[in-house]
Amino acid sequence: MALNKKQQKQIDAAKNKILGLQKLLKAARAQPDDPREIPLLEKQIADLNAEIEKIRKED
């Protein structure tokens, strides 16, 4: 099950977004100004991981 170029680019873009969100999450945990921010960032990361899995399972 090889991914085509479009799928690979979508996965790469999602991974880059995850990396950025993980940096924000780390900063938010270090200095929790807004208690709603941490669960929101965690949800966004989980959504992107689900999107990556969905792309990988497409055929």
N, C-alpha and C. Protein backbone atom coordinates (compact mmCIF):
# COMPACT_ATOMS: atom_id res chain seq x y z
N MET A 1 0.85 -1.18 0.00
CA MET A 1 0.00 0.00 0.00
C MET A 1 0.89 1.24 0.00
N ALA A 2 1.30 1.65 -1.17
CA ALA A 2 2.15 2.83 -1.31
C ALA A 2 1.28 4.09 -1.38
N LEU A 3 1.81 5.13 -0.79
CA LEU A 3 1.10 6.40 -0.80
C LEU A 3 1.50 7.18 -2.04
N ASN A 4 0.53 7.89 -2.61
CA ASN A 4 0.88 8.73 -3.74
C ASN A 4 1.44 10.05 -3.22
N LYS A 5 1.90 10.90 -4.14
CA LYS A 5 2.56 12.15 -3.74
C LYS A 5 1.62 13.06 -2.95
N LYS A 6 0.38 13.13 -3.36
CA LYS A 6 -0.59 13.99 -2.68
C LYS A 6 -0.79 13.53 -1.23
N GLN A 7 -0.96 12.23 -1.05
CA GLN A 7 -1.15 11.69 0.29
C GLN A 7 0.09 11.93 1.15
N GLN A 8 1.26 11.74 0.57
CA GLN A 8 2.50 11.95 1.31
C GLN A 8 2.64 13.41 1.73
N LYS A 9 2.28 14.33 0.84
CA LYS A 9 2.34 15.76 1.17
C LYS A 9 1.35 16.10 2.27
N GLN A 10 0.17 15.50 2.24
CA GLN A 10 -0.83 15.74 3.28
C GLN A 10 -0.31 15.25 4.63
N ILE A 11 0.31 14.09 4.64
CA ILE A 11 0.87 13.54 5.87
C ILE A 11 2.01 14.42 6.38
N ASP A 12 2.88 14.85 5.48
CA ASP A 12 3.99 15.71 5.89
C ASP A 12 3.49 17.03 6.47
N ALA A 13 2.47 17.62 5.85
CA ALA A 13 1.90 18.87 6.35
C ALA A 13 1.28 18.67 7.73
N ALA A 14 0.58 17.57 7.92
CA ALA A 14 -0.04 17.28 9.21
C ALA A 14 1.03 17.06 10.27
N LYS A 15 2.12 16.37 9.91
CA LYS A 15 3.20 16.14 10.87
C LYS A 15 3.85 17.46 11.28
N ASN A 16 4.02 18.37 10.31
CA ASN A 16 4.59 19.68 10.64
C ASN A 16 3.68 20.46 11.57
N LYS A 17 2.37 20.38 11.33
CA LYS A 17 1.41 21.05 12.21
C LYS A 17 1.49 20.45 13.61
N ILE A 18 1.62 19.13 13.69
CA ILE A 18 1.72 18.46 14.99
C ILE A 18 2.95 18.94 15.74
N LEU A 19 4.07 19.05 15.04
CA LEU A 19 5.30 19.51 15.70
C LEU A 19 5.11 20.90 16.29
N GLY A 20 4.47 21.79 15.53
CA GLY A 20 4.21 23.14 16.02
C GLY A 20 3.28 23.13 17.21
N LEU A 21 2.24 22.31 17.12
CA LEU A 21 1.28 22.22 18.24
C LEU A 21 1.93 21.63 19.49
N GLN A 22 2.84 20.68 19.29
CA GLN A 22 3.53 20.08 20.44
C GLN A 22 4.41 21.11 21.15
N LYS A 23 5.02 22.01 20.37
CA LYS A 23 5.82 23.08 20.97
C LYS A 23 4.91 24.01 21.78
N LEU A 24 3.76 24.35 21.20
CA LEU A 24 2.81 25.21 21.91
C LEU A 24 2.30 24.52 23.18
N LEU A 25 2.04 23.22 23.07
CA LEU A 25 1.56 22.46 24.22
C LEU A 25 2.60 22.44 25.34
N LYS A 26 3.84 22.24 24.97
CA LYS A 26 4.91 22.24 25.97
C LYS A 26 4.98 23.59 26.67
N ALA A 27 4.88 24.67 25.90
CA ALA A 27 4.91 26.01 26.48
C ALA A 27 3.69 26.25 27.36
N ALA A 28 2.54 25.77 26.91
CA ALA A 28 1.30 25.95 27.68
C ALA A 28 1.37 25.19 29.00
N ARG A 29 1.98 24.04 28.99
CA ARG A 29 2.12 23.26 30.23
C ARG A 29 3.12 23.92 31.18
N ALA A 30 4.14 24.55 30.61
CA ALA A 30 5.15 25.21 31.44
C ALA A 30 4.58 26.47 32.10
N GLN A 31 3.68 27.15 31.39
CA GLN A 31 3.08 28.37 31.92
C GLN A 31 1.59 28.37 31.60
N PRO A 32 0.81 27.71 32.41
CA PRO A 32 -0.64 27.57 32.12
C PRO A 32 -1.44 28.85 32.43
N ASP A 33 -1.41 29.78 31.48
CA ASP A 33 -2.18 31.02 31.62
C ASP A 33 -3.67 30.77 31.45
N ASP A 34 -3.99 29.97 30.45
CA ASP A 34 -5.38 29.68 30.13
C ASP A 34 -5.61 28.17 30.30
N PRO A 35 -6.40 27.77 31.28
CA PRO A 35 -6.60 26.33 31.51
C PRO A 35 -7.30 25.60 30.36
N ARG A 36 -7.97 26.33 29.49
CA ARG A 36 -8.66 25.70 28.36
C ARG A 36 -7.72 25.41 27.21
N GLU A 37 -6.53 26.01 27.22
CA GLU A 37 -5.61 25.89 26.10
C GLU A 37 -5.03 24.48 25.96
N ILE A 38 -4.65 23.86 27.07
CA ILE A 38 -4.00 22.54 27.02
C ILE A 38 -4.91 21.48 26.41
N PRO A 39 -6.17 21.34 26.88
CA PRO A 39 -7.03 20.33 26.24
C PRO A 39 -7.32 20.63 24.77
N LEU A 40 -7.39 21.90 24.43
CA LEU A 40 -7.63 22.28 23.03
C LEU A 40 -6.46 21.84 22.15
N LEU A 41 -5.25 22.10 22.60
CA LEU A 41 -4.07 21.69 21.84
C LEU A 41 -3.97 20.18 21.74
N GLU A 42 -4.27 19.48 22.84
CA GLU A 42 -4.24 18.02 22.81
C GLU A 42 -5.26 17.47 21.83
N LYS A 43 -6.44 18.09 21.76
CA LYS A 43 -7.47 17.64 20.82
C LYS A 43 -7.03 17.88 19.38
N GLN A 44 -6.41 19.02 19.12
CA GLN A 44 -5.94 19.31 17.76
C GLN A 44 -4.88 18.30 17.33
N ILE A 45 -3.99 17.95 18.24
CA ILE A 45 -2.95 16.96 17.92
C ILE A 45 -3.59 15.60 17.65
N ALA A 46 -4.55 15.22 18.47
CA ALA A 46 -5.23 13.94 18.28
C ALA A 46 -5.98 13.92 16.94
N ASP A 47 -6.62 15.03 16.60
CA ASP A 47 -7.34 15.12 15.33
C ASP A 47 -6.39 14.97 14.14
N LEU A 48 -5.23 15.60 14.23
CA LEU A 48 -4.26 15.49 13.14
C LEU A 48 -3.71 14.06 13.05
N ASN A 49 -3.48 13.42 14.18
CA ASN A 49 -3.02 12.03 14.16
C ASN A 49 -4.08 11.13 13.53
N ALA A 50 -5.34 11.39 13.82
CA ALA A 50 -6.43 10.62 13.23
C ALA A 50 -6.49 10.86 11.72
N GLU A 51 -6.24 12.09 11.31
CA GLU A 51 -6.24 12.42 9.88
C GLU A 51 -5.12 11.67 9.16
N ILE A 52 -3.96 11.59 9.79
CA ILE A 52 -2.83 10.86 9.20
C ILE A 52 -3.19 9.39 9.04
N GLU A 53 -3.78 8.80 10.07
CA GLU A 53 -4.18 7.39 9.98
C GLU A 53 -5.22 7.18 8.89
N LYS A 54 -6.14 8.11 8.76
CA LYS A 54 -7.17 8.01 7.73
C LYS A 54 -6.53 8.03 6.33
N ILE A 55 -5.57 8.92 6.14
CA ILE A 55 -4.89 9.02 4.84
C ILE A 55 -4.14 7.72 4.56
N ARG A 56 -3.48 7.18 5.57
CA ARG A 56 -2.71 5.95 5.37
C ARG A 56 -3.60 4.76 5.04
N LYS A 57 -4.83 4.76 5.55
CA LYS A 57 -5.73 3.64 5.31
C LYS A 57 -6.49 3.76 4.00
N GLU A 58 -6.48 4.95 3.39
CA GLU A 58 -7.14 5.11 2.08
C GLU A 58 -6.41 4.26 1.06
N ASP A 59 -7.15 3.80 0.10
CA ASP A 59 -6.52 2.98 -0.93
C ASP A 59 -6.82 3.44 -2.30
